[in-house]
Full PDB file with SEQRES, HELIX, SHEET, SSBOND, CRYST1, ORIGX, SCALE, CONECT and MASTER records, all heavy atoms in Angstrom:
SEQRES   1 A   44  PRO ARG LEU MET ARG ARG PHE GLY GLY ARG ASP LEU THR          
SEQRES   2 A   44  VAL ALA SER LEU ILE THR SER ALA ALA CYS LEU LEU ALA          
SEQRES   3 A   44  ILE GLY ALA THR GLN ASP ALA TRP LEU TRP MET PRO LEU          
SEQRES   4 A   44  ARG LEU LEU THR GLY                                          
HELIX    1 AA1 ARG A    2  PHE A    7  1                                   6    
HELIX    2 AA2 GLY A    9  ALA A   29  1                                  21    
HELIX    3 AA3 ALA A   33  THR A   43  1                                  11    
CRYST1    1.000    1.000    1.000  90.00  90.00  90.00 P 1           1          
ORIGX1      1.000000  0.000000  0.000000        0.00000                         
ORIGX2      0.000000  1.000000  0.000000        0.00000                         
ORIGX3      0.000000  0.000000  1.000000        0.00000                         
SCALE1      1.000000  0.000000  0.000000        0.00000                         
SCALE2      0.000000  1.000000  0.000000        0.00000                         
SCALE3      0.000000  0.000000  1.000000        0.00000                         
ATOM      1  N   PRO A   1      36.546   2.985 217.630  1.00  0.00           N  
ATOM      2  CA  PRO A   1      37.225   1.721 217.083  1.00  0.00           C  
ATOM      3  C   PRO A   1      37.202   0.661 218.045  1.00  0.00           C  
ATOM      4  O   PRO A   1      36.840  -0.534 217.698  1.00  0.00           O  
ATOM      5  CB  PRO A   1      38.634   2.212 216.746  1.00  0.00           C  
ATOM      6  CG  PRO A   1      38.553   3.661 216.564  1.00  0.00           C  
ATOM      7  CD  PRO A   1      37.505   4.191 217.614  1.00  0.00           C  
ATOM      8  N   ARG A   2      37.451   1.003 219.355  1.00  0.00           N  
ATOM      9  CA  ARG A   2      37.417  -0.127 220.415  1.00  0.00           C  
ATOM     10  C   ARG A   2      36.034  -0.705 220.614  1.00  0.00           C  
ATOM     11  O   ARG A   2      35.759  -1.920 220.697  1.00  0.00           O  
ATOM     12  CB  ARG A   2      38.011   0.356 221.722  1.00  0.00           C  
ATOM     13  CG  ARG A   2      39.508   0.718 221.654  1.00  0.00           C  
ATOM     14  CD  ARG A   2      39.952   1.197 223.023  1.00  0.00           C  
ATOM     15  NE  ARG A   2      41.437   1.340 223.017  1.00  0.00           N  
ATOM     16  CZ  ARG A   2      42.086   2.390 222.602  1.00  0.00           C  
ATOM     17  NH1 ARG A   2      41.440   3.391 222.158  1.00  0.00           N  
ATOM     18  NH2 ARG A   2      43.398   2.382 222.684  1.00  0.00           N  
ATOM     19  N   LEU A   3      35.108   0.111 220.647  1.00  0.00           N  
ATOM     20  CA  LEU A   3      33.627  -0.216 220.855  1.00  0.00           C  
ATOM     21  C   LEU A   3      33.191  -1.006 219.601  1.00  0.00           C  
ATOM     22  O   LEU A   3      32.434  -2.015 219.725  1.00  0.00           O  
ATOM     23  CB  LEU A   3      32.775   0.994 220.991  1.00  0.00           C  
ATOM     24  CG  LEU A   3      32.918   1.742 222.415  1.00  0.00           C  
ATOM     25  CD1 LEU A   3      32.142   3.005 222.450  1.00  0.00           C  
ATOM     26  CD2 LEU A   3      32.612   0.825 223.574  1.00  0.00           C  
ATOM     27  N   MET A   4      33.643  -0.573 218.398  1.00  0.00           N  
ATOM     28  CA  MET A   4      33.285  -1.313 217.152  1.00  0.00           C  
ATOM     29  C   MET A   4      33.775  -2.676 217.145  1.00  0.00           C  
ATOM     30  O   MET A   4      33.234  -3.702 216.711  1.00  0.00           O  
ATOM     31  CB  MET A   4      33.554  -0.443 215.917  1.00  0.00           C  
ATOM     32  CG  MET A   4      33.084  -1.028 214.617  1.00  0.00           C  
ATOM     33  SD  MET A   4      33.483   0.187 213.307  1.00  0.00           S  
ATOM     34  CE  MET A   4      32.796  -0.708 211.942  1.00  0.00           C  
ATOM     35  N   ARG A   5      35.107  -2.759 217.602  1.00  0.00           N  
ATOM     36  CA  ARG A   5      35.807  -4.008 217.617  1.00  0.00           C  
ATOM     37  C   ARG A   5      35.093  -5.004 218.609  1.00  0.00           C  
ATOM     38  O   ARG A   5      35.000  -6.198 218.387  1.00  0.00           O  
ATOM     39  CB  ARG A   5      37.193  -3.744 218.015  1.00  0.00           C  
ATOM     40  CG  ARG A   5      38.214  -4.899 218.411  1.00  0.00           C  
ATOM     41  CD  ARG A   5      38.571  -5.677 217.055  1.00  0.00           C  
ATOM     42  NE  ARG A   5      37.671  -6.558 216.529  1.00  0.00           N  
ATOM     43  CZ  ARG A   5      37.712  -7.153 215.336  1.00  0.00           C  
ATOM     44  NH1 ARG A   5      38.808  -6.816 214.516  1.00  0.00           N  
ATOM     45  NH2 ARG A   5      36.833  -7.879 214.858  1.00  0.00           N  
ATOM     46  N   ARG A   6      34.699  -4.456 219.824  1.00  0.00           N  
ATOM     47  CA  ARG A   6      34.109  -5.309 220.811  1.00  0.00           C  
ATOM     48  C   ARG A   6      32.615  -5.687 220.580  1.00  0.00           C  
ATOM     49  O   ARG A   6      32.259  -6.912 220.693  1.00  0.00           O  
ATOM     50  CB  ARG A   6      34.221  -4.579 222.147  1.00  0.00           C  
ATOM     51  CG  ARG A   6      33.679  -5.437 223.294  1.00  0.00           C  
ATOM     52  CD  ARG A   6      33.998  -4.854 224.598  1.00  0.00           C  
ATOM     53  NE  ARG A   6      33.484  -5.653 225.727  1.00  0.00           N  
ATOM     54  CZ  ARG A   6      33.619  -5.322 227.046  1.00  0.00           C  
ATOM     55  NH1 ARG A   6      34.260  -4.228 227.355  1.00  0.00           N  
ATOM     56  NH2 ARG A   6      33.055  -6.159 227.984  1.00  0.00           N  
ATOM     57  N   PHE A   7      31.776  -4.699 220.086  1.00  0.00           N  
ATOM     58  CA  PHE A   7      30.380  -4.909 219.982  1.00  0.00           C  
ATOM     59  C   PHE A   7      29.939  -5.097 218.547  1.00  0.00           C  
ATOM     60  O   PHE A   7      28.845  -5.559 218.370  1.00  0.00           O  
ATOM     61  CB  PHE A   7      29.624  -3.822 220.642  1.00  0.00           C  
ATOM     62  CG  PHE A   7      29.824  -3.703 222.186  1.00  0.00           C  
ATOM     63  CD1 PHE A   7      30.647  -2.634 222.637  1.00  0.00           C  
ATOM     64  CD2 PHE A   7      29.450  -4.622 222.997  1.00  0.00           C  
ATOM     65  CE1 PHE A   7      30.912  -2.588 223.965  1.00  0.00           C  
ATOM     66  CE2 PHE A   7      29.754  -4.516 224.426  1.00  0.00           C  
ATOM     67  CZ  PHE A   7      30.461  -3.445 224.837  1.00  0.00           C  
ATOM     68  N   GLY A   8      30.706  -4.762 217.560  1.00  0.00           N  
ATOM     69  CA  GLY A   8      30.285  -4.742 216.152  1.00  0.00           C  
ATOM     70  C   GLY A   8      29.748  -3.465 215.742  1.00  0.00           C  
ATOM     71  O   GLY A   8      29.141  -2.685 216.593  1.00  0.00           O  
ATOM     72  N   GLY A   9      29.804  -3.116 214.540  1.00  0.00           N  
ATOM     73  CA  GLY A   9      29.366  -1.868 213.981  1.00  0.00           C  
ATOM     74  C   GLY A   9      27.820  -1.730 214.185  1.00  0.00           C  
ATOM     75  O   GLY A   9      27.290  -0.504 214.525  1.00  0.00           O  
ATOM     76  N   ARG A  10      27.047  -2.749 213.882  1.00  0.00           N  
ATOM     77  CA  ARG A  10      25.600  -2.603 213.927  1.00  0.00           C  
ATOM     78  C   ARG A  10      25.204  -2.291 215.368  1.00  0.00           C  
ATOM     79  O   ARG A  10      24.383  -1.407 215.542  1.00  0.00           O  
ATOM     80  CB  ARG A  10      25.001  -3.912 213.364  1.00  0.00           C  
ATOM     81  CG  ARG A  10      23.473  -3.828 213.337  1.00  0.00           C  
ATOM     82  CD  ARG A  10      22.893  -5.146 213.051  1.00  0.00           C  
ATOM     83  NE  ARG A  10      23.064  -6.118 214.102  1.00  0.00           N  
ATOM     84  CZ  ARG A  10      22.777  -7.371 213.964  1.00  0.00           C  
ATOM     85  NH1 ARG A  10      22.368  -7.976 212.932  1.00  0.00           N  
ATOM     86  NH2 ARG A  10      23.003  -8.201 215.069  1.00  0.00           N  
ATOM     87  N   ASP A  11      25.688  -3.113 216.299  1.00  0.00           N  
ATOM     88  CA  ASP A  11      25.175  -2.900 217.722  1.00  0.00           C  
ATOM     89  C   ASP A  11      25.525  -1.488 218.278  1.00  0.00           C  
ATOM     90  O   ASP A  11      24.883  -0.787 218.988  1.00  0.00           O  
ATOM     91  CB  ASP A  11      25.599  -3.934 218.644  1.00  0.00           C  
ATOM     92  CG  ASP A  11      24.939  -5.285 218.340  1.00  0.00           C  
ATOM     93  OD1 ASP A  11      23.944  -5.304 217.603  1.00  0.00           O  
ATOM     94  OD2 ASP A  11      25.425  -6.331 218.900  1.00  0.00           O  
ATOM     95  N   LEU A  12      26.782  -1.076 217.853  1.00  0.00           N  
ATOM     96  CA  LEU A  12      27.279   0.322 218.278  1.00  0.00           C  
ATOM     97  C   LEU A  12      26.380   1.339 217.663  1.00  0.00           C  
ATOM     98  O   LEU A  12      26.064   2.315 218.404  1.00  0.00           O  
ATOM     99  CB  LEU A  12      28.659   0.542 217.874  1.00  0.00           C  
ATOM    100  CG  LEU A  12      29.378   1.814 218.217  1.00  0.00           C  
ATOM    101  CD1 LEU A  12      29.219   2.118 219.700  1.00  0.00           C  
ATOM    102  CD2 LEU A  12      30.785   1.783 217.789  1.00  0.00           C  
ATOM    103  N   THR A  13      26.082   1.198 216.464  1.00  0.00           N  
ATOM    104  CA  THR A  13      25.292   2.205 215.748  1.00  0.00           C  
ATOM    105  C   THR A  13      23.839   2.256 216.374  1.00  0.00           C  
ATOM    106  O   THR A  13      23.307   3.379 216.643  1.00  0.00           O  
ATOM    107  CB  THR A  13      25.108   1.931 214.240  1.00  0.00           C  
ATOM    108  OG1 THR A  13      26.462   1.979 213.647  1.00  0.00           O  
ATOM    109  CG2 THR A  13      24.276   2.979 213.565  1.00  0.00           C  
ATOM    110  N   VAL A  14      23.229   1.168 216.626  1.00  0.00           N  
ATOM    111  CA  VAL A  14      21.873   1.097 217.253  1.00  0.00           C  
ATOM    112  C   VAL A  14      21.942   1.775 218.557  1.00  0.00           C  
ATOM    113  O   VAL A  14      21.073   2.630 218.939  1.00  0.00           O  
ATOM    114  CB  VAL A  14      21.453  -0.287 217.400  1.00  0.00           C  
ATOM    115  CG1 VAL A  14      20.145  -0.415 218.250  1.00  0.00           C  
ATOM    116  CG2 VAL A  14      21.033  -0.977 215.974  1.00  0.00           C  
ATOM    117  N   ALA A  15      22.913   1.459 219.474  1.00  0.00           N  
ATOM    118  CA  ALA A  15      23.032   2.091 220.741  1.00  0.00           C  
ATOM    119  C   ALA A  15      23.280   3.581 220.635  1.00  0.00           C  
ATOM    120  O   ALA A  15      22.773   4.340 221.391  1.00  0.00           O  
ATOM    121  CB  ALA A  15      24.264   1.369 221.518  1.00  0.00           C  
ATOM    122  N   SER A  16      24.068   4.005 219.671  1.00  0.00           N  
ATOM    123  CA  SER A  16      24.343   5.431 219.466  1.00  0.00           C  
ATOM    124  C   SER A  16      23.109   6.183 219.014  1.00  0.00           C  
ATOM    125  O   SER A  16      22.931   7.314 219.547  1.00  0.00           O  
ATOM    126  CB  SER A  16      25.511   5.629 218.504  1.00  0.00           C  
ATOM    127  OG  SER A  16      26.684   5.052 218.997  1.00  0.00           O  
ATOM    128  N   LEU A  17      22.292   5.622 218.146  1.00  0.00           N  
ATOM    129  CA  LEU A  17      21.144   6.265 217.662  1.00  0.00           C  
ATOM    130  C   LEU A  17      20.039   6.438 218.840  1.00  0.00           C  
ATOM    131  O   LEU A  17      19.551   7.440 219.019  1.00  0.00           O  
ATOM    132  CB  LEU A  17      20.452   5.379 216.545  1.00  0.00           C  
ATOM    133  CG  LEU A  17      21.167   5.424 215.208  1.00  0.00           C  
ATOM    134  CD1 LEU A  17      20.613   4.307 214.323  1.00  0.00           C  
ATOM    135  CD2 LEU A  17      20.967   6.791 214.515  1.00  0.00           C  
ATOM    136  N   ILE A  18      19.981   5.440 219.629  1.00  0.00           N  
ATOM    137  CA  ILE A  18      19.018   5.469 220.790  1.00  0.00           C  
ATOM    138  C   ILE A  18      19.518   6.497 221.829  1.00  0.00           C  
ATOM    139  O   ILE A  18      18.791   7.162 222.390  1.00  0.00           O  
ATOM    140  CB  ILE A  18      18.867   4.075 221.474  1.00  0.00           C  
ATOM    141  CG1 ILE A  18      18.083   3.216 220.470  1.00  0.00           C  
ATOM    142  CG2 ILE A  18      18.135   4.219 222.775  1.00  0.00           C  
ATOM    143  CD1 ILE A  18      18.096   1.671 220.944  1.00  0.00           C  
ATOM    144  N   THR A  19      20.874   6.483 222.060  1.00  0.00           N  
ATOM    145  CA  THR A  19      21.436   7.420 222.954  1.00  0.00           C  
ATOM    146  C   THR A  19      21.233   8.942 222.535  1.00  0.00           C  
ATOM    147  O   THR A  19      20.961   9.750 223.374  1.00  0.00           O  
ATOM    148  CB  THR A  19      22.942   7.149 223.069  1.00  0.00           C  
ATOM    149  OG1 THR A  19      23.179   5.888 223.687  1.00  0.00           O  
ATOM    150  CG2 THR A  19      23.610   8.142 224.119  1.00  0.00           C  
ATOM    151  N   SER A  20      21.427   9.165 221.270  1.00  0.00           N  
ATOM    152  CA  SER A  20      21.182  10.545 220.785  1.00  0.00           C  
ATOM    153  C   SER A  20      19.797  10.994 220.910  1.00  0.00           C  
ATOM    154  O   SER A  20      19.592  12.105 221.262  1.00  0.00           O  
ATOM    155  CB  SER A  20      21.705  10.647 219.339  1.00  0.00           C  
ATOM    156  OG  SER A  20      20.944   9.837 218.530  1.00  0.00           O  
ATOM    157  N   ALA A  21      18.846  10.062 220.750  1.00  0.00           N  
ATOM    158  CA  ALA A  21      17.451  10.423 220.880  1.00  0.00           C  
ATOM    159  C   ALA A  21      17.107  10.648 222.285  1.00  0.00           C  
ATOM    160  O   ALA A  21      16.435  11.619 222.642  1.00  0.00           O  
ATOM    161  CB  ALA A  21      16.524   9.283 220.353  1.00  0.00           C  
ATOM    162  N   ALA A  22      17.672   9.818 223.220  1.00  0.00           N  
ATOM    163  CA  ALA A  22      17.368   9.962 224.639  1.00  0.00           C  
ATOM    164  C   ALA A  22      18.013  11.306 225.153  1.00  0.00           C  
ATOM    165  O   ALA A  22      17.373  11.991 226.074  1.00  0.00           O  
ATOM    166  CB  ALA A  22      17.913   8.678 225.469  1.00  0.00           C  
ATOM    167  N   CYS A  23      19.205  11.604 224.727  1.00  0.00           N  
ATOM    168  CA  CYS A  23      19.899  12.867 225.194  1.00  0.00           C  
ATOM    169  C   CYS A  23      18.982  14.115 224.769  1.00  0.00           C  
ATOM    170  O   CYS A  23      18.832  15.032 225.578  1.00  0.00           O  
ATOM    171  CB  CYS A  23      21.197  12.898 224.572  1.00  0.00           C  
ATOM    172  SG  CYS A  23      22.379  11.898 225.452  1.00  0.00           S  
ATOM    173  N   LEU A  24      18.478  14.083 223.473  1.00  0.00           N  
ATOM    174  CA  LEU A  24      17.651  15.192 223.085  1.00  0.00           C  
ATOM    175  C   LEU A  24      16.424  15.369 223.926  1.00  0.00           C  
ATOM    176  O   LEU A  24      15.910  16.451 224.313  1.00  0.00           O  
ATOM    177  CB  LEU A  24      17.370  15.111 221.594  1.00  0.00           C  
ATOM    178  CG  LEU A  24      16.681  16.351 221.010  1.00  0.00           C  
ATOM    179  CD1 LEU A  24      17.622  17.510 221.276  1.00  0.00           C  
ATOM    180  CD2 LEU A  24      16.543  16.070 219.475  1.00  0.00           C  
ATOM    181  N   LEU A  25      15.821  14.211 224.227  1.00  0.00           N  
ATOM    182  CA  LEU A  25      14.613  14.240 225.130  1.00  0.00           C  
ATOM    183  C   LEU A  25      14.931  14.764 226.470  1.00  0.00           C  
ATOM    184  O   LEU A  25      14.149  15.534 227.111  1.00  0.00           O  
ATOM    185  CB  LEU A  25      13.944  12.931 225.190  1.00  0.00           C  
ATOM    186  CG  LEU A  25      13.292  12.410 223.836  1.00  0.00           C  
ATOM    187  CD1 LEU A  25      12.870  10.967 224.083  1.00  0.00           C  
ATOM    188  CD2 LEU A  25      12.105  13.368 223.442  1.00  0.00           C  
ATOM    189  N   ALA A  26      16.122  14.317 226.989  1.00  0.00           N  
ATOM    190  CA  ALA A  26      16.518  14.793 228.349  1.00  0.00           C  
ATOM    191  C   ALA A  26      16.833  16.292 228.354  1.00  0.00           C  
ATOM    192  O   ALA A  26      16.493  16.913 229.342  1.00  0.00           O  
ATOM    193  CB  ALA A  26      17.776  14.040 228.811  1.00  0.00           C  
ATOM    194  N   ILE A  27      17.354  16.702 227.254  1.00  0.00           N  
ATOM    195  CA  ILE A  27      17.654  18.205 227.153  1.00  0.00           C  
ATOM    196  C   ILE A  27      16.308  18.969 227.157  1.00  0.00           C  
ATOM    197  O   ILE A  27      16.149  20.082 227.803  1.00  0.00           O  
ATOM    198  CB  ILE A  27      18.394  18.535 225.926  1.00  0.00           C  
ATOM    199  CG1 ILE A  27      19.803  18.009 226.050  1.00  0.00           C  
ATOM    200  CG2 ILE A  27      18.455  20.064 225.545  1.00  0.00           C  
ATOM    201  CD1 ILE A  27      20.642  18.055 224.731  1.00  0.00           C  
ATOM    202  N   GLY A  28      15.299  18.499 226.396  1.00  0.00           N  
ATOM    203  CA  GLY A  28      13.937  19.065 226.473  1.00  0.00           C  
ATOM    204  C   GLY A  28      13.267  19.125 227.811  1.00  0.00           C  
ATOM    205  O   GLY A  28      12.472  20.011 228.085  1.00  0.00           O  
ATOM    206  N   ALA A  29      13.666  18.138 228.587  1.00  0.00           N  
ATOM    207  CA  ALA A  29      12.911  17.969 229.874  1.00  0.00           C  
ATOM    208  C   ALA A  29      13.713  18.849 231.043  1.00  0.00           C  
ATOM    209  O   ALA A  29      13.168  19.083 232.140  1.00  0.00           O  
ATOM    210  CB  ALA A  29      12.902  16.587 230.318  1.00  0.00           C  
ATOM    211  N   THR A  30      14.929  19.287 230.687  1.00  0.00           N  
ATOM    212  CA  THR A  30      15.758  20.035 231.731  1.00  0.00           C  
ATOM    213  C   THR A  30      16.099  21.473 231.206  1.00  0.00           C  
ATOM    214  O   THR A  30      16.939  21.467 230.284  1.00  0.00           O  
ATOM    215  CB  THR A  30      16.924  19.243 232.090  1.00  0.00           C  
ATOM    216  OG1 THR A  30      17.709  18.999 230.878  1.00  0.00           O  
ATOM    217  CG2 THR A  30      16.622  17.963 232.725  1.00  0.00           C  
ATOM    218  N   GLN A  31      15.526  22.435 231.682  1.00  0.00           N  
ATOM    219  CA  GLN A  31      15.795  23.795 231.210  1.00  0.00           C  
ATOM    220  C   GLN A  31      16.951  24.333 232.067  1.00  0.00           C  
ATOM    221  O   GLN A  31      16.798  25.364 232.759  1.00  0.00           O  
ATOM    222  CB  GLN A  31      14.561  24.622 231.257  1.00  0.00           C  
ATOM    223  CG  GLN A  31      13.482  24.080 230.463  1.00  0.00           C  
ATOM    224  CD  GLN A  31      13.695  24.323 228.956  1.00  0.00           C  
ATOM    225  OE1 GLN A  31      14.097  25.403 228.513  1.00  0.00           O  
ATOM    226  NE2 GLN A  31      13.491  23.207 228.142  1.00  0.00           N  
ATOM    227  N   ASP A  32      18.132  23.805 231.923  1.00  0.00           N  
ATOM    228  CA  ASP A  32      19.323  24.258 232.652  1.00  0.00           C  
ATOM    229  C   ASP A  32      20.556  24.222 231.781  1.00  0.00           C  
ATOM    230  O   ASP A  32      20.927  23.122 231.348  1.00  0.00           O  
ATOM    231  CB  ASP A  32      19.421  23.397 233.921  1.00  0.00           C  
ATOM    232  CG  ASP A  32      20.512  23.867 234.851  1.00  0.00           C  
ATOM    233  OD1 ASP A  32      21.676  24.152 234.399  1.00  0.00           O  
ATOM    234  OD2 ASP A  32      20.319  23.981 236.051  1.00  0.00           O  
ATOM    235  N   ALA A  33      21.211  25.340 231.492  1.00  0.00           N  
ATOM    236  CA  ALA A  33      22.346  25.406 230.658  1.00  0.00           C  
ATOM    237  C   ALA A  33      23.448  24.495 231.052  1.00  0.00           C  
ATOM    238  O   ALA A  33      24.200  23.922 230.324  1.00  0.00           O  
ATOM    239  CB  ALA A  33      22.799  26.813 230.413  1.00  0.00           C  
ATOM    240  N   TRP A  34      23.731  24.357 232.413  1.00  0.00           N  
ATOM    241  CA  TRP A  34      24.727  23.641 232.886  1.00  0.00           C  
ATOM    242  C   TRP A  34      24.516  22.128 232.832  1.00  0.00           C  
ATOM    243  O   TRP A  34      25.450  21.292 232.446  1.00  0.00           O  
ATOM    244  CB  TRP A  34      25.143  23.987 234.378  1.00  0.00           C  
ATOM    245  CG  TRP A  34      25.596  25.319 234.498  1.00  0.00           C  
ATOM    246  CD1 TRP A  34      24.841  26.510 234.963  1.00  0.00           C  
ATOM    247  CD2 TRP A  34      26.850  25.799 234.171  1.00  0.00           C  
ATOM    248  NE1 TRP A  34      25.700  27.569 234.918  1.00  0.00           N  
ATOM    249  CE2 TRP A  34      26.966  27.266 234.430  1.00  0.00           C  
ATOM    250  CE3 TRP A  34      28.060  25.226 233.689  1.00  0.00           C  
ATOM    251  CZ2 TRP A  34      28.138  28.090 234.247  1.00  0.00           C  
ATOM    252  CZ3 TRP A  34      29.242  26.082 233.531  1.00  0.00           C  
ATOM    253  CH2 TRP A  34      29.221  27.449 233.771  1.00  0.00           C  
ATOM    254  N   LEU A  35      23.347  21.641 232.996  1.00  0.00           N  
ATOM    255  CA  LEU A  35      22.923  20.256 232.834  1.00  0.00           C  
ATOM    256  C   LEU A  35      22.930  19.867 231.304  1.00  0.00           C  
ATOM    257  O   LEU A  35      23.205  18.705 231.047  1.00  0.00           O  
ATOM    258  CB  LEU A  35      21.473  20.122 233.404  1.00  0.00           C  
ATOM    259  CG  LEU A  35      21.437  19.963 234.914  1.00  0.00           C  
ATOM    260  CD1 LEU A  35      19.931  19.807 235.300  1.00  0.00           C  
ATOM    261  CD2 LEU A  35      22.251  18.903 235.495  1.00  0.00           C  
ATOM    262  N   TRP A  36      22.715  20.893 230.479  1.00  0.00           N  
ATOM    263  CA  TRP A  36      22.713  20.523 229.046  1.00  0.00           C  
ATOM    264  C   TRP A  36      24.104  20.198 228.574  1.00  0.00           C  
ATOM    265  O   TRP A  36      24.358  19.459 227.640  1.00  0.00           O  
ATOM    266  CB  TRP A  36      22.257  21.652 228.184  1.00  0.00           C  
ATOM    267  CG  TRP A  36      20.743  21.878 228.227  1.00  0.00           C  
ATOM    268  CD1 TRP A  36      19.888  21.198 229.121  1.00  0.00           C  
ATOM    269  CD2 TRP A  36      19.955  22.857 227.446  1.00  0.00           C  
ATOM    270  NE1 TRP A  36      18.583  21.638 228.779  1.00  0.00           N  
ATOM    271  CE2 TRP A  36      18.610  22.663 227.784  1.00  0.00           C  
ATOM    272  CE3 TRP A  36      20.295  23.803 226.559  1.00  0.00           C  
ATOM    273  CZ2 TRP A  36      17.721  23.394 227.246  1.00  0.00           C  
ATOM    274  CZ3 TRP A  36      19.382  24.554 225.997  1.00  0.00           C  
ATOM    275  CH2 TRP A  36      17.935  24.292 226.325  1.00  0.00           C  
ATOM    276  N   MET A  37      25.229  20.697 229.211  1.00  0.00           N  
ATOM    277  CA  MET A  37      26.496  20.486 228.696  1.00  0.00           C  
ATOM    278  C   MET A  37      26.953  18.969 228.689  1.00  0.00           C  
ATOM    279  O   MET A  37      27.467  18.485 227.659  1.00  0.00           O  
ATOM    280  CB  MET A  37      27.525  21.378 229.435  1.00  0.00           C  
ATOM    281  CG  MET A  37      27.345  22.780 229.151  1.00  0.00           C  
ATOM    282  SD  MET A  37      28.217  23.960 230.253  1.00  0.00           S  
ATOM    283  CE  MET A  37      29.917  23.588 229.746  1.00  0.00           C  
ATOM    284  N   PRO A  38      26.799  18.248 229.766  1.00  0.00           N  
ATOM    285  CA  PRO A  38      27.065  16.790 229.743  1.00  0.00           C  
ATOM    286  C   PRO A  38      26.277  16.010 228.767  1.00  0.00           C  
ATOM    287  O   PRO A  38      26.716  15.148 228.053  1.00  0.00           O  
ATOM    288  CB  PRO A  38      26.965  16.360 231.172  1.00  0.00           C  
ATOM    289  CG  PRO A  38      26.157  17.375 231.806  1.00  0.00           C  
ATOM    290  CD  PRO A  38      26.397  18.562 231.165  1.00  0.00           C  
ATOM    291  N   LEU A  39      24.947  16.485 228.641  1.00  0.00           N  
ATOM    292  CA  LEU A  39      24.094  15.760 227.720  1.00  0.00           C  
ATOM    293  C   LEU A  39      24.527  16.108 226.247  1.00  0.00           C  
ATOM    294  O   LEU A  39      24.470  15.179 225.398  1.00  0.00           O  
ATOM    295  CB  LEU A  39      22.607  16.270 227.886  1.00  0.00           C  
ATOM    296  CG  LEU A  39      21.999  15.859 229.177  1.00  0.00           C  
ATOM    297  CD1 LEU A  39      20.711  16.590 229.396  1.00  0.00           C  
ATOM    298  CD2 LEU A  39      21.779  14.281 229.130  1.00  0.00           C  
ATOM    299  N   ARG A  40      24.872  17.313 225.954  1.00  0.00           N  
ATOM    300  CA  ARG A  40      25.348  17.581 224.485  1.00  0.00           C  
ATOM    301  C   ARG A  40      26.734  16.867 224.316  1.00  0.00           C  
ATOM    302  O   ARG A  40      26.977  16.458 223.191  1.00  0.00           O  
ATOM    303  CB  ARG A  40      25.547  19.042 224.426  1.00  0.00           C  
ATOM    304  CG  ARG A  40      24.202  19.834 224.458  1.00  0.00           C  
ATOM    305  CD  ARG A  40      24.223  21.243 224.178  1.00  0.00           C  
ATOM    306  NE  ARG A  40      24.304  21.537 222.677  1.00  0.00           N  
ATOM    307  CZ  ARG A  40      24.234  22.739 222.223  1.00  0.00           C  
ATOM    308  NH1 ARG A  40      24.111  23.791 223.037  1.00  0.00           N  
ATOM    309  NH2 ARG A  40      24.250  22.982 220.930  1.00  0.00           N  
ATOM    310  N   LEU A  41      27.624  16.799 225.387  1.00  0.00           N  
ATOM    311  CA  LEU A  41      28.867  16.064 225.204  1.00  0.00           C  
ATOM    312  C   LEU A  41      28.580  14.604 224.813  1.00  0.00           C  
ATOM    313  O   LEU A  41      29.156  13.998 223.933  1.00  0.00           O  
ATOM    314  CB  LEU A  41      29.555  16.060 226.537  1.00  0.00           C  
ATOM    315  CG  LEU A  41      31.018  15.376 226.485  1.00  0.00           C  
ATOM    316  CD1 LEU A  41      31.974  16.149 225.687  1.00  0.00           C  
ATOM    317  CD2 LEU A  41      31.503  15.189 227.939  1.00  0.00           C  
ATOM    318  N   LEU A  42      27.594  13.949 225.546  1.00  0.00           N  
ATOM    319  CA  LEU A  42      27.207  12.531 225.250  1.00  0.00           C  
ATOM    320  C   LEU A  42      26.629  12.456 223.857  1.00  0.00           C  
ATOM    321  O   LEU A  42      26.908  11.557 223.188  1.00  0.00           O  
ATOM    322  CB  LEU A  42      26.261  12.088 226.402  1.00  0.00           C  
ATOM    323  CG  LEU A  42      25.798  10.664 226.218  1.00  0.00           C  
ATOM    324  CD1 LEU A  42      27.085   9.686 226.272  1.00  0.00           C  
ATOM    325  CD2 LEU A  42      24.959  10.203 227.369  1.00  0.00           C  
ATOM    326  N   THR A  43      25.823  13.497 223.430  1.00  0.00           N  
ATOM    327  CA  THR A  43      25.321  13.467 222.105  1.00  0.00           C  
ATOM    328  C   THR A  43      26.448  13.509 221.063  1.00  0.00           C  
ATOM    329  O   THR A  43      26.312  12.759 220.001  1.00  0.00           O  
ATOM    330  CB  THR A  43      24.288  14.737 221.923  1.00  0.00           C  
ATOM    331  OG1 THR A  43      23.330  14.613 222.902  1.00  0.00           O  
ATOM    332  CG2 THR A  43      23.664  14.667 220.483  1.00  0.00           C  
ATOM    333  N   GLY A  44      27.344  14.291 221.323  1.00  0.00           N  
ATOM    334  CA  GLY A  44      28.541  14.461 220.435  1.00  0.00           C  
ATOM    335  C   GLY A  44      29.241  13.111 220.303  1.00  0.00           C  
ATOM    336  O   GLY A  44      29.708  12.695 219.270  1.00  0.00           O  
TER     337      GLY A  44                                                      
MASTER        0    0    0    3    0    0    0    6  336    1    0    4          
END                                                                             
């Protein structure tokens, strides 16, 4: 809600879509269960 109030729903959605794509690519590039956890947290 705070991010939507500050940046608007459209910009927050665009940033979130790009972030989720980047996190999945980063997971594919790092074969480490412990490194995946912060990336999956950010994806969530």
